[in-house]
Amino acid sequence: MAPDTPRKPGIVRFGHHWRLAQETRTLTMLILGHVIVFLLSIGHDEIVAEMVADGWIFARFAEQFELLFGLVLFVCWGALTVRLMTILQRARAGDCICPRCNQQCGDAE
C-alpha cells in the first residue's frame, strides 16, 4: 500500500468481535442461566435447611418454602428453555427475522 493512499478508519474492537454479537451474548447468558438454575435445583433443599438453621424462615414453613423455591426454579427453567428454543429456531431458519414485526428482513410491512 502506498503511503499516500487513504486508509479506512480502523474500528477498535476488544476481544473477538464475533463473540460480542447480540445473538452470541444472548445464547451465552441463556446457557449460563440454565447452569445456575440447575445448580440451585440440585441444592435447593440444603439451601432451605441452611435458611432454617440461620433463622431466615421458621422451621414449620420449611417444607412449603422448599416447594415454592422448587416451583420458582421450575418456572425459570421453563422460561429459559422457551427463549433458547426461539433463538435456535431463528438460527435454523437461516433468515433474518425482525423482532418487532416477526417478518423476514426486507419484506414490506
N, C-alpha and C. Protein backbone atom coordinates (compact mmCIF):
# COMPACT_ATOMS: atom_id res chain seq x y z
N MET A 1 0.84 -1.16 0.00
CA MET A 1 0.00 0.00 0.00
C MET A 1 0.89 1.23 0.00
N ALA A 2 0.58 2.15 -0.85
CA ALA A 2 1.36 3.38 -0.94
C ALA A 2 1.09 4.26 0.27
N PRO A 3 2.11 5.03 0.69
CA PRO A 3 1.92 5.86 1.88
C PRO A 3 0.87 6.95 1.71
N ASP A 4 0.59 7.37 0.48
CA ASP A 4 -0.39 8.44 0.29
C ASP A 4 -1.81 7.90 0.06
N THR A 5 -1.99 6.59 0.05
CA THR A 5 -3.31 6.00 -0.13
C THR A 5 -4.11 6.20 1.15
N PRO A 6 -5.33 6.72 1.02
CA PRO A 6 -6.13 6.91 2.23
C PRO A 6 -6.52 5.55 2.83
N ARG A 7 -6.47 5.50 4.13
CA ARG A 7 -6.81 4.27 4.83
C ARG A 7 -8.25 4.34 5.33
N LYS A 8 -8.83 3.18 5.46
CA LYS A 8 -10.14 3.12 6.07
C LYS A 8 -9.98 3.38 7.56
N PRO A 9 -10.93 4.06 8.15
CA PRO A 9 -10.82 4.27 9.59
C PRO A 9 -10.90 2.93 10.32
N GLY A 10 -10.00 2.74 11.24
CA GLY A 10 -9.98 1.49 11.98
C GLY A 10 -11.05 1.46 13.05
N ILE A 11 -11.62 0.32 13.23
CA ILE A 11 -12.61 0.13 14.28
C ILE A 11 -11.91 -0.61 15.41
N VAL A 12 -11.95 -0.01 16.58
CA VAL A 12 -11.31 -0.63 17.73
C VAL A 12 -12.27 -1.63 18.33
N ARG A 13 -11.85 -2.87 18.37
CA ARG A 13 -12.66 -3.94 18.97
C ARG A 13 -11.81 -4.67 19.97
N PHE A 14 -12.38 -4.91 21.11
CA PHE A 14 -11.68 -5.66 22.14
C PHE A 14 -12.13 -7.11 22.08
N GLY A 15 -11.21 -8.02 22.10
CA GLY A 15 -11.56 -9.43 22.03
C GLY A 15 -11.95 -9.82 20.62
N HIS A 16 -12.68 -10.89 20.52
CA HIS A 16 -13.14 -11.39 19.23
C HIS A 16 -14.51 -10.80 18.96
N HIS A 17 -14.64 -10.09 17.87
CA HIS A 17 -15.88 -9.37 17.61
C HIS A 17 -17.08 -10.29 17.41
N TRP A 18 -16.87 -11.51 16.92
CA TRP A 18 -18.00 -12.41 16.72
C TRP A 18 -18.53 -12.92 18.05
N ARG A 19 -17.72 -12.90 19.08
CA ARG A 19 -18.22 -13.29 20.40
C ARG A 19 -19.09 -12.21 21.01
N LEU A 20 -18.96 -10.99 20.53
CA LEU A 20 -19.72 -9.89 21.07
C LEU A 20 -21.02 -9.64 20.33
N ALA A 21 -21.35 -10.47 19.36
CA ALA A 21 -22.60 -10.30 18.63
C ALA A 21 -23.78 -10.50 19.59
N GLN A 22 -24.88 -9.83 19.30
CA GLN A 22 -26.05 -9.87 20.18
C GLN A 22 -26.55 -11.29 20.40
N GLU A 23 -26.65 -12.08 19.34
CA GLU A 23 -27.15 -13.44 19.48
C GLU A 23 -26.21 -14.29 20.32
N THR A 24 -24.91 -14.07 20.16
CA THR A 24 -23.93 -14.84 20.92
C THR A 24 -24.02 -14.52 22.39
N ARG A 25 -24.14 -13.24 22.71
CA ARG A 25 -24.28 -12.86 24.12
C ARG A 25 -25.56 -13.42 24.71
N THR A 26 -26.65 -13.34 23.96
CA THR A 26 -27.93 -13.85 24.44
C THR A 26 -27.85 -15.35 24.69
N LEU A 27 -27.27 -16.08 23.75
CA LEU A 27 -27.14 -17.52 23.90
C LEU A 27 -26.24 -17.87 25.08
N THR A 28 -25.16 -17.13 25.26
CA THR A 28 -24.26 -17.37 26.39
C THR A 28 -24.97 -17.13 27.71
N MET A 29 -25.74 -16.07 27.80
CA MET A 29 -26.47 -15.77 29.04
C MET A 29 -27.55 -16.82 29.32
N LEU A 30 -28.18 -17.32 28.27
CA LEU A 30 -29.19 -18.36 28.46
C LEU A 30 -28.57 -19.65 28.97
N ILE A 31 -27.43 -20.03 28.41
CA ILE A 31 -26.75 -21.24 28.88
C ILE A 31 -26.28 -21.06 30.31
N LEU A 32 -25.75 -19.88 30.63
CA LEU A 32 -25.33 -19.60 32.00
C LEU A 32 -26.53 -19.64 32.95
N GLY A 33 -27.65 -19.11 32.51
CA GLY A 33 -28.87 -19.17 33.31
C GLY A 33 -29.32 -20.60 33.56
N HIS A 34 -29.24 -21.44 32.54
CA HIS A 34 -29.58 -22.85 32.73
C HIS A 34 -28.66 -23.51 33.75
N VAL A 35 -27.37 -23.22 33.67
CA VAL A 35 -26.42 -23.82 34.62
C VAL A 35 -26.72 -23.36 36.04
N ILE A 36 -27.00 -22.07 36.22
CA ILE A 36 -27.29 -21.56 37.56
C ILE A 36 -28.57 -22.17 38.12
N VAL A 37 -29.62 -22.23 37.32
CA VAL A 37 -30.88 -22.83 37.78
C VAL A 37 -30.68 -24.31 38.09
N PHE A 38 -29.90 -25.01 37.27
CA PHE A 38 -29.63 -26.42 37.53
C PHE A 38 -28.90 -26.61 38.86
N LEU A 39 -27.89 -25.80 39.10
CA LEU A 39 -27.14 -25.93 40.36
C LEU A 39 -28.00 -25.57 41.56
N LEU A 40 -28.84 -24.56 41.42
CA LEU A 40 -29.75 -24.22 42.52
C LEU A 40 -30.77 -25.33 42.76
N SER A 41 -31.23 -25.97 41.70
CA SER A 41 -32.22 -27.04 41.88
C SER A 41 -31.60 -28.27 42.53
N ILE A 42 -30.32 -28.51 42.30
CA ILE A 42 -29.66 -29.63 42.96
C ILE A 42 -29.61 -29.41 44.47
N GLY A 43 -29.31 -28.19 44.88
CA GLY A 43 -29.12 -27.94 46.30
C GLY A 43 -30.20 -27.13 46.97
N HIS A 44 -31.41 -27.08 46.39
CA HIS A 44 -32.42 -26.21 46.99
C HIS A 44 -32.89 -26.70 48.35
N ASP A 45 -32.90 -28.00 48.60
CA ASP A 45 -33.30 -28.47 49.93
C ASP A 45 -32.25 -28.13 50.99
N GLU A 46 -30.97 -28.20 50.61
CA GLU A 46 -29.92 -27.80 51.55
C GLU A 46 -29.94 -26.29 51.79
N ILE A 47 -30.27 -25.53 50.76
CA ILE A 47 -30.37 -24.08 50.92
C ILE A 47 -31.48 -23.73 51.91
N VAL A 48 -32.62 -24.40 51.78
CA VAL A 48 -33.73 -24.15 52.71
C VAL A 48 -33.35 -24.59 54.12
N ALA A 49 -32.66 -25.72 54.25
CA ALA A 49 -32.23 -26.18 55.58
C ALA A 49 -31.28 -25.17 56.23
N GLU A 50 -30.39 -24.60 55.45
CA GLU A 50 -29.48 -23.58 55.99
C GLU A 50 -30.24 -22.31 56.37
N MET A 51 -31.26 -21.96 55.59
CA MET A 51 -32.06 -20.78 55.92
C MET A 51 -32.82 -20.99 57.22
N VAL A 52 -33.30 -22.21 57.45
CA VAL A 52 -33.97 -22.52 58.71
C VAL A 52 -32.97 -22.47 59.86
N ALA A 53 -31.78 -23.04 59.66
CA ALA A 53 -30.76 -23.04 60.71
C ALA A 53 -30.29 -21.63 61.05
N ASP A 54 -30.25 -20.75 60.05
CA ASP A 54 -29.81 -19.37 60.29
C ASP A 54 -30.93 -18.47 60.77
N GLY A 55 -32.14 -18.97 60.80
CA GLY A 55 -33.27 -18.19 61.30
C GLY A 55 -33.95 -17.30 60.27
N TRP A 56 -33.69 -17.51 59.00
CA TRP A 56 -34.33 -16.70 57.97
C TRP A 56 -35.80 -17.07 57.80
N ILE A 57 -36.12 -18.36 57.97
CA ILE A 57 -37.51 -18.81 57.90
C ILE A 57 -37.78 -19.72 59.09
N PHE A 58 -39.06 -19.84 59.47
CA PHE A 58 -39.43 -20.71 60.58
C PHE A 58 -39.40 -22.17 60.12
N ALA A 59 -39.10 -23.06 61.06
CA ALA A 59 -38.99 -24.48 60.73
C ALA A 59 -40.32 -25.05 60.24
N ARG A 60 -41.42 -24.53 60.75
CA ARG A 60 -42.73 -25.07 60.34
C ARG A 60 -43.08 -24.71 58.89
N PHE A 61 -42.43 -23.68 58.34
CA PHE A 61 -42.68 -23.29 56.95
C PHE A 61 -41.62 -23.81 55.99
N ALA A 62 -40.70 -24.64 56.47
CA ALA A 62 -39.58 -25.09 55.64
C ALA A 62 -40.06 -25.89 54.42
N GLU A 63 -41.01 -26.79 54.65
CA GLU A 63 -41.46 -27.64 53.54
C GLU A 63 -42.19 -26.82 52.48
N GLN A 64 -43.05 -25.89 52.91
CA GLN A 64 -43.75 -25.05 51.95
C GLN A 64 -42.77 -24.15 51.19
N PHE A 65 -41.78 -23.62 51.91
CA PHE A 65 -40.80 -22.76 51.26
C PHE A 65 -39.96 -23.56 50.26
N GLU A 66 -39.65 -24.81 50.60
CA GLU A 66 -38.88 -25.65 49.68
C GLU A 66 -39.68 -25.94 48.41
N LEU A 67 -40.97 -26.20 48.56
CA LEU A 67 -41.82 -26.42 47.39
C LEU A 67 -41.95 -25.15 46.54
N LEU A 68 -42.10 -24.02 47.20
CA LEU A 68 -42.19 -22.76 46.48
C LEU A 68 -40.89 -22.45 45.75
N PHE A 69 -39.77 -22.69 46.40
CA PHE A 69 -38.46 -22.47 45.79
C PHE A 69 -38.29 -23.37 44.56
N GLY A 70 -38.68 -24.64 44.69
CA GLY A 70 -38.61 -25.56 43.56
C GLY A 70 -39.52 -25.14 42.41
N LEU A 71 -40.71 -24.63 42.74
CA LEU A 71 -41.63 -24.16 41.71
C LEU A 71 -41.07 -22.95 40.97
N VAL A 72 -40.48 -22.02 41.70
CA VAL A 72 -39.87 -20.85 41.06
C VAL A 72 -38.73 -21.27 40.14
N LEU A 73 -37.91 -22.21 40.59
CA LEU A 73 -36.82 -22.71 39.75
C LEU A 73 -37.36 -23.40 38.49
N PHE A 74 -38.45 -24.14 38.64
CA PHE A 74 -39.06 -24.82 37.50
C PHE A 74 -39.58 -23.82 36.48
N VAL A 75 -40.22 -22.76 36.95
CA VAL A 75 -40.73 -21.72 36.05
C VAL A 75 -39.57 -21.01 35.35
N CYS A 76 -38.50 -20.73 36.10
CA CYS A 76 -37.32 -20.09 35.49
C CYS A 76 -36.71 -20.99 34.42
N TRP A 77 -36.60 -22.28 34.71
CA TRP A 77 -36.05 -23.22 33.74
C TRP A 77 -36.91 -23.25 32.48
N GLY A 78 -38.22 -23.26 32.65
CA GLY A 78 -39.12 -23.27 31.50
C GLY A 78 -39.00 -22.02 30.65
N ALA A 79 -38.92 -20.86 31.30
CA ALA A 79 -38.78 -19.60 30.56
C ALA A 79 -37.46 -19.55 29.80
N LEU A 80 -36.39 -20.00 30.43
CA LEU A 80 -35.09 -20.04 29.75
C LEU A 80 -35.12 -20.99 28.55
N THR A 81 -35.78 -22.12 28.71
CA THR A 81 -35.85 -23.10 27.63
C THR A 81 -36.68 -22.58 26.46
N VAL A 82 -37.79 -21.92 26.75
CA VAL A 82 -38.61 -21.35 25.68
C VAL A 82 -37.82 -20.31 24.90
N ARG A 83 -37.10 -19.45 25.59
CA ARG A 83 -36.29 -18.42 24.92
C ARG A 83 -35.17 -19.06 24.10
N LEU A 84 -34.55 -20.11 24.64
CA LEU A 84 -33.49 -20.81 23.92
C LEU A 84 -34.03 -21.44 22.64
N MET A 85 -35.21 -22.05 22.72
CA MET A 85 -35.80 -22.67 21.53
C MET A 85 -36.15 -21.62 20.48
N THR A 86 -36.59 -20.45 20.92
CA THR A 86 -36.89 -19.37 19.97
C THR A 86 -35.64 -18.95 19.21
N ILE A 87 -34.54 -18.79 19.94
CA ILE A 87 -33.28 -18.39 19.30
C ILE A 87 -32.80 -19.47 18.34
N LEU A 88 -32.89 -20.73 18.75
CA LEU A 88 -32.42 -21.82 17.89
C LEU A 88 -33.29 -21.98 16.65
N GLN A 89 -34.59 -21.75 16.76
CA GLN A 89 -35.45 -21.83 15.58
C GLN A 89 -35.12 -20.73 14.58
N ARG A 90 -34.83 -19.54 15.08
CA ARG A 90 -34.44 -18.45 14.18
C ARG A 90 -33.11 -18.75 13.51
N ALA A 91 -32.19 -19.33 14.24
CA ALA A 91 -30.89 -19.65 13.66
C ALA A 91 -31.01 -20.77 12.64
N ARG A 92 -31.88 -21.73 12.91
CA ARG A 92 -32.06 -22.84 11.98
C ARG A 92 -32.70 -22.38 10.68
N ALA A 93 -33.59 -21.41 10.78
CA ALA A 93 -34.23 -20.90 9.57
C ALA A 93 -33.22 -20.23 8.66
N GLY A 94 -32.18 -19.66 9.25
CA GLY A 94 -31.13 -19.03 8.46
C GLY A 94 -31.52 -17.70 7.86
N ASP A 95 -32.67 -17.21 8.21
CA ASP A 95 -33.13 -15.94 7.68
C ASP A 95 -33.16 -14.91 8.79
N CYS A 96 -33.06 -13.69 8.39
CA CYS A 96 -33.16 -12.58 9.33
C CYS A 96 -34.63 -12.33 9.62
N ILE A 97 -35.01 -12.38 10.90
CA ILE A 97 -36.39 -12.13 11.28
C ILE A 97 -36.42 -10.90 12.19
N CYS A 98 -37.24 -9.95 11.84
CA CYS A 98 -37.35 -8.72 12.63
C CYS A 98 -38.06 -9.03 13.95
N PRO A 99 -37.48 -8.66 15.10
CA PRO A 99 -38.13 -8.96 16.37
C PRO A 99 -39.38 -8.12 16.61
N ARG A 100 -39.48 -6.96 15.96
CA ARG A 100 -40.66 -6.12 16.15
C ARG A 100 -41.89 -6.68 15.44
N CYS A 101 -41.73 -6.97 14.15
CA CYS A 101 -42.89 -7.36 13.34
C CYS A 101 -42.93 -8.85 13.04
N ASN A 102 -41.90 -9.60 13.43
CA ASN A 102 -41.83 -11.04 13.22
C ASN A 102 -41.90 -11.40 11.73
N GLN A 103 -41.41 -10.52 10.87
CA GLN A 103 -41.35 -10.75 9.43
C GLN A 103 -39.90 -10.90 9.01
N GLN A 104 -39.68 -11.48 7.85
CA GLN A 104 -38.32 -11.58 7.35
C GLN A 104 -37.81 -10.20 6.99
N CYS A 105 -36.53 -9.98 7.21
CA CYS A 105 -35.94 -8.68 6.91
C CYS A 105 -36.06 -8.39 5.42
N GLY A 106 -36.42 -7.17 5.10
CA GLY A 106 -36.55 -6.77 3.71
C GLY A 106 -37.97 -6.89 3.19
N ASP A 107 -38.86 -7.59 3.90
CA ASP A 107 -40.25 -7.69 3.46
C ASP A 107 -40.99 -6.41 3.79
N ALA A 108 -41.98 -6.10 2.97
CA ALA A 108 -42.81 -4.92 3.24
C ALA A 108 -43.73 -5.23 4.41
N GLU A 109 -43.91 -4.23 5.26
CA GLU A 109 -44.78 -4.43 6.42
C GLU A 109 -46.21 -4.15 6.07
